[in-house]
């Protein structure tokens, strides 16, 4: 899948959870959504982008979710 599209979709999810005043809870919500609704190949593509391109273009909340919840999202 196109990495740019994955980044855009992840940022859209992040925008939804941005209304939560607790950044940790927002990151957990983003991670839960990615775990429940994204197939493993999509998550792997997003992690490849994070690792290879320092997550360029990812919203800070999305980057935090990916880093903080990596163990639960990979695989």
C-alpha atoms as a PDB file:
ATOM      1  CA  UNK A   1       0.000   0.000   0.000  1.00  0.00           C
ATOM      2  CA  UNK A   2       1.083   3.548  -0.709  1.00  0.00           C
ATOM      3  CA  UNK A   3       2.898   4.977   2.350  1.00  0.00           C
ATOM      4  CA  UNK A   4       1.487   8.439   1.715  1.00  0.00           C
ATOM      5  CA  UNK A   5      -2.027   7.061   1.867  1.00  0.00           C
ATOM      6  CA  UNK A   6      -1.266   5.191   5.099  1.00  0.00           C
ATOM      7  CA  UNK A   7       0.112   8.370   6.661  1.00  0.00           C
ATOM      8  CA  UNK A   8      -2.966  10.330   5.595  1.00  0.00           C
ATOM      9  CA  UNK A   9      -5.361   7.706   6.953  1.00  0.00           C
ATOM     10  CA  UNK A  10      -3.424   7.466  10.231  1.00  0.00           C
ATOM     11  CA  UNK A  11      -3.459  11.260  10.570  1.00  0.00           C
ATOM     12  CA  UNK A  12      -7.222  11.272   9.977  1.00  0.00           C
ATOM     13  CA  UNK A  13      -7.602   8.822  12.844  1.00  0.00           C
ATOM     14  CA  UNK A  14      -5.309  10.990  14.951  1.00  0.00           C
ATOM     15  CA  UNK A  15      -7.430  14.064  14.185  1.00  0.00           C
ATOM     16  CA  UNK A  16     -10.495  12.281  15.557  1.00  0.00           C
ATOM     17  CA  UNK A  17      -8.741  11.454  18.828  1.00  0.00           C
ATOM     18  CA  UNK A  18      -7.085  14.890  19.099  1.00  0.00           C
ATOM     19  CA  UNK A  19     -10.170  16.175  20.932  1.00  0.00           C
ATOM     20  CA  UNK A  20      -9.186  14.092  23.961  1.00  0.00           C
ATOM     21  CA  UNK A  21      -7.398  16.388  26.436  1.00  0.00           C
ATOM     22  CA  UNK A  22      -5.293  13.479  27.748  1.00  0.00           C
ATOM     23  CA  UNK A  23      -2.484  12.765  25.243  1.00  0.00           C
ATOM     24  CA  UNK A  24      -1.878   9.268  26.644  1.00  0.00           C
ATOM     25  CA  UNK A  25      -5.540   8.364  26.282  1.00  0.00           C
ATOM     26  CA  UNK A  26      -5.588   9.796  22.746  1.00  0.00           C
ATOM     27  CA  UNK A  27      -2.529   7.704  21.811  1.00  0.00           C
ATOM     28  CA  UNK A  28      -4.175   4.616  23.275  1.00  0.00           C
ATOM     29  CA  UNK A  29      -7.330   5.318  21.256  1.00  0.00           C
ATOM     30  CA  UNK A  30      -5.351   5.715  18.051  1.00  0.00           C
ATOM     31  CA  UNK A  31      -3.448   2.508  18.725  1.00  0.00           C
ATOM     32  CA  UNK A  32      -6.636   0.619  19.540  1.00  0.00           C
ATOM     33  CA  UNK A  33      -8.225   1.769  16.294  1.00  0.00           C
ATOM     34  CA  UNK A  34      -5.169   0.728  14.268  1.00  0.00           C
ATOM     35  CA  UNK A  35      -5.096  -2.658  15.997  1.00  0.00           C
ATOM     36  CA  UNK A  36      -8.798  -3.350  15.536  1.00  0.00           C
ATOM     37  CA  UNK A  37      -9.412  -2.017  12.034  1.00  0.00           C
ATOM     38  CA  UNK A  38      -6.128  -2.070  10.125  1.00  0.00           C
ATOM     39  CA  UNK A  39      -4.789  -5.300   8.709  1.00  0.00           C
ATOM     40  CA  UNK A  40      -1.232  -6.282   9.681  1.00  0.00           C
ATOM     41  CA  UNK A  41       0.189  -5.300   6.267  1.00  0.00           C
ATOM     42  CA  UNK A  42      -1.109  -1.769   6.699  1.00  0.00           C
ATOM     43  CA  UNK A  43       0.398  -1.456  10.174  1.00  0.00           C
ATOM     44  CA  UNK A  44       3.675  -2.923   8.901  1.00  0.00           C
ATOM     45  CA  UNK A  45       3.746  -0.336   6.122  1.00  0.00           C
ATOM     46  CA  UNK A  46       3.183   2.458   8.606  1.00  0.00           C
ATOM     47  CA  UNK A  47       5.980   1.147  10.844  1.00  0.00           C
ATOM     48  CA  UNK A  48       8.301   0.853   7.840  1.00  0.00           C
ATOM     49  CA  UNK A  49       7.589   4.522   7.126  1.00  0.00           C
ATOM     50  CA  UNK A  50       8.189   5.437  10.759  1.00  0.00           C
ATOM     51  CA  UNK A  51      11.499   3.570  10.823  1.00  0.00           C
ATOM     52  CA  UNK A  52      12.813   4.471   7.361  1.00  0.00           C
ATOM     53  CA  UNK A  53      11.647   8.088   7.159  1.00  0.00           C
ATOM     54  CA  UNK A  54      11.449   9.096  10.831  1.00  0.00           C
ATOM     55  CA  UNK A  55       7.678   9.202  10.481  1.00  0.00           C
ATOM     56  CA  UNK A  56       7.802  12.231   8.211  1.00  0.00           C
ATOM     57  CA  UNK A  57       4.316  13.669   7.846  1.00  0.00           C
ATOM     58  CA  UNK A  58       2.819  11.806  10.789  1.00  0.00           C
ATOM     59  CA  UNK A  59       0.929  13.889  13.313  1.00  0.00           C
ATOM     60  CA  UNK A  60       2.643  13.970  16.721  1.00  0.00           C
ATOM     61  CA  UNK A  61      -0.222  12.059  18.365  1.00  0.00           C
ATOM     62  CA  UNK A  62      -0.025   9.321  15.733  1.00  0.00           C
ATOM     63  CA  UNK A  63       3.747   9.053  16.103  1.00  0.00           C
ATOM     64  CA  UNK A  64       3.313   8.806  19.889  1.00  0.00           C
ATOM     65  CA  UNK A  65       0.713   6.067  19.480  1.00  0.00           C
ATOM     66  CA  UNK A  66       2.987   4.073  17.172  1.00  0.00           C
ATOM     67  CA  UNK A  67       5.994   4.396  19.463  1.00  0.00           C
ATOM     68  CA  UNK A  68       4.187   3.865  22.770  1.00  0.00           C
ATOM     69  CA  UNK A  69       2.092   0.911  21.583  1.00  0.00           C
ATOM     70  CA  UNK A  70       4.489  -0.746  19.159  1.00  0.00           C
ATOM     71  CA  UNK A  71       4.478  -4.120  20.930  1.00  0.00           C
ATOM     72  CA  UNK A  72       0.670  -4.342  20.668  1.00  0.00           C
ATOM     73  CA  UNK A  73       0.480  -3.172  17.055  1.00  0.00           C
ATOM     74  CA  UNK A  74       3.123  -5.230  15.314  1.00  0.00           C
ATOM     75  CA  UNK A  75       2.412  -8.691  14.079  1.00  0.00           C
END
